[in-house]
């Protein structure tokens, strides 16, 4: 007599992702998105002029300023 039962499907055990791991991934993804937005915002603000920054109510960005004191050239020439 022939065997008529169908064999059970054999498959690799499915790995369940724990809830804490899903939360960690979600938090990490949110942090990356927030970081990318902050970088984009800084790039845009860096390209604006001081007048444009005042127009949008943003304080002026501290950019490096070259300060030359009076008499600097005289001092440099005398050091030669």
N, C-alpha and C. Protein backbone atom coordinates (compact mmCIF):
# COMPACT_ATOMS: atom_id res chain seq x y z
N UNK A 1 0.84 -1.16 0.00
CA UNK A 1 0.00 0.00 0.00
C UNK A 1 0.89 1.23 0.00
N UNK A 2 0.54 2.25 -0.79
CA UNK A 2 1.36 3.44 -0.94
C UNK A 2 1.16 4.38 0.25
N UNK A 3 2.22 5.09 0.53
CA UNK A 3 2.17 6.06 1.63
C UNK A 3 1.53 7.33 1.10
N UNK A 4 0.46 7.83 1.69
CA UNK A 4 -0.29 8.96 1.15
C UNK A 4 -0.12 10.25 1.93
N UNK A 5 0.54 10.22 3.06
CA UNK A 5 0.71 11.45 3.83
C UNK A 5 1.77 12.34 3.17
N UNK A 6 1.49 13.63 3.15
CA UNK A 6 2.48 14.57 2.60
C UNK A 6 3.43 14.97 3.71
N UNK A 7 4.72 15.04 3.40
CA UNK A 7 5.68 15.39 4.46
C UNK A 7 5.52 16.85 4.87
N UNK A 8 5.82 17.15 6.09
CA UNK A 8 5.76 18.52 6.58
C UNK A 8 6.87 19.31 5.91
N UNK A 9 6.57 20.55 5.60
CA UNK A 9 7.57 21.41 4.94
C UNK A 9 8.72 21.66 5.90
N UNK A 10 9.90 21.45 5.42
CA UNK A 10 11.08 21.67 6.25
C UNK A 10 11.65 23.04 5.88
N UNK A 11 11.80 23.88 6.87
CA UNK A 11 12.36 25.21 6.62
C UNK A 11 13.23 25.61 7.80
N UNK A 12 14.04 26.58 7.57
CA UNK A 12 14.90 27.07 8.63
C UNK A 12 14.04 27.76 9.68
N UNK A 13 14.42 27.66 10.93
CA UNK A 13 13.62 28.32 11.97
C UNK A 13 13.63 29.83 11.76
N UNK A 14 12.47 30.42 11.93
CA UNK A 14 12.36 31.87 11.75
C UNK A 14 12.85 32.55 13.01
N UNK A 15 13.70 33.54 12.81
CA UNK A 15 14.28 34.25 13.93
C UNK A 15 13.39 35.45 14.25
N UNK A 16 12.92 35.49 15.45
CA UNK A 16 12.07 36.60 15.85
C UNK A 16 12.94 37.74 16.36
N UNK A 17 12.57 38.94 15.93
CA UNK A 17 13.31 40.12 16.36
C UNK A 17 12.66 40.62 17.64
N UNK A 18 13.47 40.78 18.64
CA UNK A 18 12.90 41.21 19.92
C UNK A 18 12.41 42.65 19.82
N UNK A 19 11.48 42.96 20.71
CA UNK A 19 10.86 44.28 20.69
C UNK A 19 11.88 45.36 21.05
N UNK A 20 12.81 45.06 21.94
CA UNK A 20 13.81 46.06 22.33
C UNK A 20 14.75 46.36 21.15
N UNK A 21 15.02 45.34 20.34
CA UNK A 21 15.88 45.55 19.17
C UNK A 21 15.18 46.43 18.14
N UNK A 22 13.88 46.22 17.96
CA UNK A 22 13.11 47.04 17.04
C UNK A 22 13.11 48.48 17.53
N UNK A 23 12.93 48.68 18.84
CA UNK A 23 12.95 50.03 19.40
C UNK A 23 14.31 50.69 19.21
N UNK A 24 15.37 49.92 19.38
CA UNK A 24 16.72 50.47 19.19
C UNK A 24 16.94 50.91 17.75
N UNK A 25 16.48 50.10 16.83
CA UNK A 25 16.63 50.44 15.41
C UNK A 25 15.81 51.68 15.07
N UNK A 26 14.61 51.78 15.62
CA UNK A 26 13.76 52.94 15.38
C UNK A 26 14.40 54.21 15.93
N UNK A 27 14.96 54.11 17.14
CA UNK A 27 15.61 55.27 17.75
C UNK A 27 16.83 55.68 16.94
N UNK A 28 17.60 54.71 16.49
CA UNK A 28 18.79 54.99 15.68
C UNK A 28 18.41 55.67 14.36
N UNK A 29 17.36 55.17 13.72
CA UNK A 29 16.91 55.75 12.45
C UNK A 29 16.45 57.19 12.66
N UNK A 30 15.75 57.45 13.75
CA UNK A 30 15.29 58.81 14.04
C UNK A 30 16.47 59.73 14.31
N UNK A 31 17.48 59.23 15.01
CA UNK A 31 18.67 60.05 15.29
C UNK A 31 19.43 60.39 14.01
N UNK A 32 19.52 59.45 13.10
CA UNK A 32 20.20 59.70 11.82
C UNK A 32 19.43 60.74 11.02
N UNK A 33 18.10 60.61 11.00
CA UNK A 33 17.30 61.61 10.27
C UNK A 33 17.47 63.00 10.86
N UNK A 34 17.47 63.10 12.19
CA UNK A 34 17.64 64.38 12.85
C UNK A 34 19.02 64.97 12.56
N UNK A 35 20.05 64.14 12.57
CA UNK A 35 21.40 64.60 12.27
C UNK A 35 21.50 65.13 10.84
N UNK A 36 20.89 64.41 9.89
CA UNK A 36 20.94 64.85 8.49
C UNK A 36 20.23 66.19 8.30
N UNK A 37 19.10 66.37 9.00
CA UNK A 37 18.39 67.65 8.92
C UNK A 37 19.23 68.79 9.49
N UNK A 38 19.91 68.53 10.61
CA UNK A 38 20.74 69.55 11.24
C UNK A 38 21.89 69.95 10.32
N UNK A 39 22.51 68.97 9.67
CA UNK A 39 23.60 69.26 8.73
C UNK A 39 23.09 70.10 7.57
N UNK A 40 21.95 69.73 7.02
CA UNK A 40 21.38 70.48 5.89
C UNK A 40 21.04 71.90 6.32
N UNK A 41 20.49 72.06 7.53
CA UNK A 41 20.13 73.39 8.04
C UNK A 41 21.37 74.25 8.19
N UNK A 42 22.46 73.68 8.74
CA UNK A 42 23.70 74.44 8.90
C UNK A 42 24.29 74.87 7.57
N UNK A 43 24.21 74.00 6.56
CA UNK A 43 24.74 74.35 5.24
C UNK A 43 23.97 75.51 4.64
N UNK A 44 22.66 75.48 4.77
CA UNK A 44 21.83 76.56 4.22
C UNK A 44 22.11 77.86 4.95
N UNK A 45 22.18 77.82 6.28
CA UNK A 45 22.43 79.04 7.05
C UNK A 45 23.81 79.61 6.76
N UNK A 46 24.78 78.76 6.48
CA UNK A 46 26.13 79.25 6.19
C UNK A 46 26.19 80.03 4.89
N UNK A 47 25.28 79.74 3.97
CA UNK A 47 25.28 80.42 2.68
C UNK A 47 24.54 81.76 2.70
N UNK A 48 23.81 82.04 3.78
CA UNK A 48 23.02 83.27 3.84
C UNK A 48 23.89 84.45 4.26
N UNK A 49 23.51 85.63 3.78
CA UNK A 49 24.21 86.86 4.16
C UNK A 49 23.68 87.32 5.51
N UNK A 50 24.40 88.22 6.19
CA UNK A 50 23.91 88.74 7.48
C UNK A 50 22.53 89.40 7.36
N UNK A 51 22.28 90.09 6.24
CA UNK A 51 20.96 90.71 6.05
C UNK A 51 19.87 89.66 5.95
N UNK A 52 20.13 88.58 5.22
CA UNK A 52 19.14 87.51 5.10
C UNK A 52 18.90 86.82 6.43
N UNK A 53 19.97 86.66 7.22
CA UNK A 53 19.81 86.05 8.54
C UNK A 53 18.93 86.92 9.45
N UNK A 54 19.15 88.24 9.39
CA UNK A 54 18.30 89.14 10.19
C UNK A 54 16.86 89.09 9.73
N UNK A 55 16.64 88.94 8.41
CA UNK A 55 15.28 88.88 7.88
C UNK A 55 14.50 87.68 8.42
N UNK A 56 15.17 86.57 8.61
CA UNK A 56 14.48 85.38 9.10
C UNK A 56 14.53 85.27 10.63
N UNK A 57 15.13 86.26 11.29
CA UNK A 57 15.16 86.28 12.75
C UNK A 57 16.22 85.39 13.35
N UNK A 58 17.21 85.07 12.59
CA UNK A 58 18.30 84.21 13.04
C UNK A 58 19.46 85.09 13.50
N UNK A 59 20.09 84.78 14.63
CA UNK A 59 21.26 85.58 15.01
C UNK A 59 22.40 85.33 14.03
N UNK A 60 23.23 86.33 13.89
CA UNK A 60 24.33 86.22 12.93
C UNK A 60 25.30 85.12 13.36
N UNK A 61 25.73 84.34 12.39
CA UNK A 61 26.65 83.24 12.66
C UNK A 61 28.03 83.80 12.93
N UNK A 62 28.70 83.23 13.93
CA UNK A 62 30.06 83.67 14.24
C UNK A 62 31.00 83.14 13.17
N UNK A 63 31.40 84.03 12.30
CA UNK A 63 32.35 83.67 11.26
C UNK A 63 33.70 84.24 11.62
N UNK A 64 34.77 83.62 11.16
CA UNK A 64 36.09 84.16 11.48
C UNK A 64 36.26 85.56 10.88
N UNK A 65 36.82 86.42 11.69
CA UNK A 65 37.02 87.81 11.27
C UNK A 65 38.51 88.13 11.39
N UNK A 66 39.04 88.76 10.38
CA UNK A 66 40.44 89.15 10.40
C UNK A 66 40.51 90.58 10.93
N UNK A 67 41.13 90.73 12.09
CA UNK A 67 41.26 92.05 12.69
C UNK A 67 42.69 92.54 12.48
N UNK A 68 42.82 93.70 11.89
CA UNK A 68 44.13 94.30 11.68
C UNK A 68 44.20 95.57 12.51
N UNK A 69 45.10 95.58 13.45
CA UNK A 69 45.22 96.74 14.34
C UNK A 69 45.99 97.85 13.64
N UNK A 70 45.68 99.06 14.07
CA UNK A 70 46.38 100.22 13.51
C UNK A 70 47.87 100.11 13.83
N UNK A 71 48.68 100.40 12.86
CA UNK A 71 50.13 100.38 13.06
C UNK A 71 50.74 99.01 12.82
N UNK A 72 49.96 98.05 12.39
CA UNK A 72 50.50 96.71 12.15
C UNK A 72 51.56 96.73 11.06
N UNK A 73 51.28 97.40 9.97
CA UNK A 73 52.27 97.43 8.87
C UNK A 73 53.56 98.11 9.32
N UNK A 74 53.44 99.17 10.14
CA UNK A 74 54.62 99.85 10.63
C UNK A 74 55.46 98.91 11.49
N UNK A 75 54.79 98.16 12.36
CA UNK A 75 55.51 97.20 13.22
C UNK A 75 56.18 96.11 12.37
N UNK A 76 55.48 95.61 11.39
CA UNK A 76 56.05 94.58 10.55
C UNK A 76 57.25 95.08 9.75
N UNK A 77 57.15 96.29 9.23
CA UNK A 77 58.23 96.85 8.46
C UNK A 77 59.45 97.12 9.35
N UNK A 78 59.20 97.53 10.60
CA UNK A 78 60.33 97.80 11.49
C UNK A 78 61.02 96.51 11.92
N UNK A 79 60.33 95.38 11.90
CA UNK A 79 60.92 94.09 12.27
C UNK A 79 61.83 93.57 11.16
N UNK A 80 61.66 94.07 9.96
CA UNK A 80 62.48 93.61 8.83
C UNK A 80 63.86 94.01 9.07
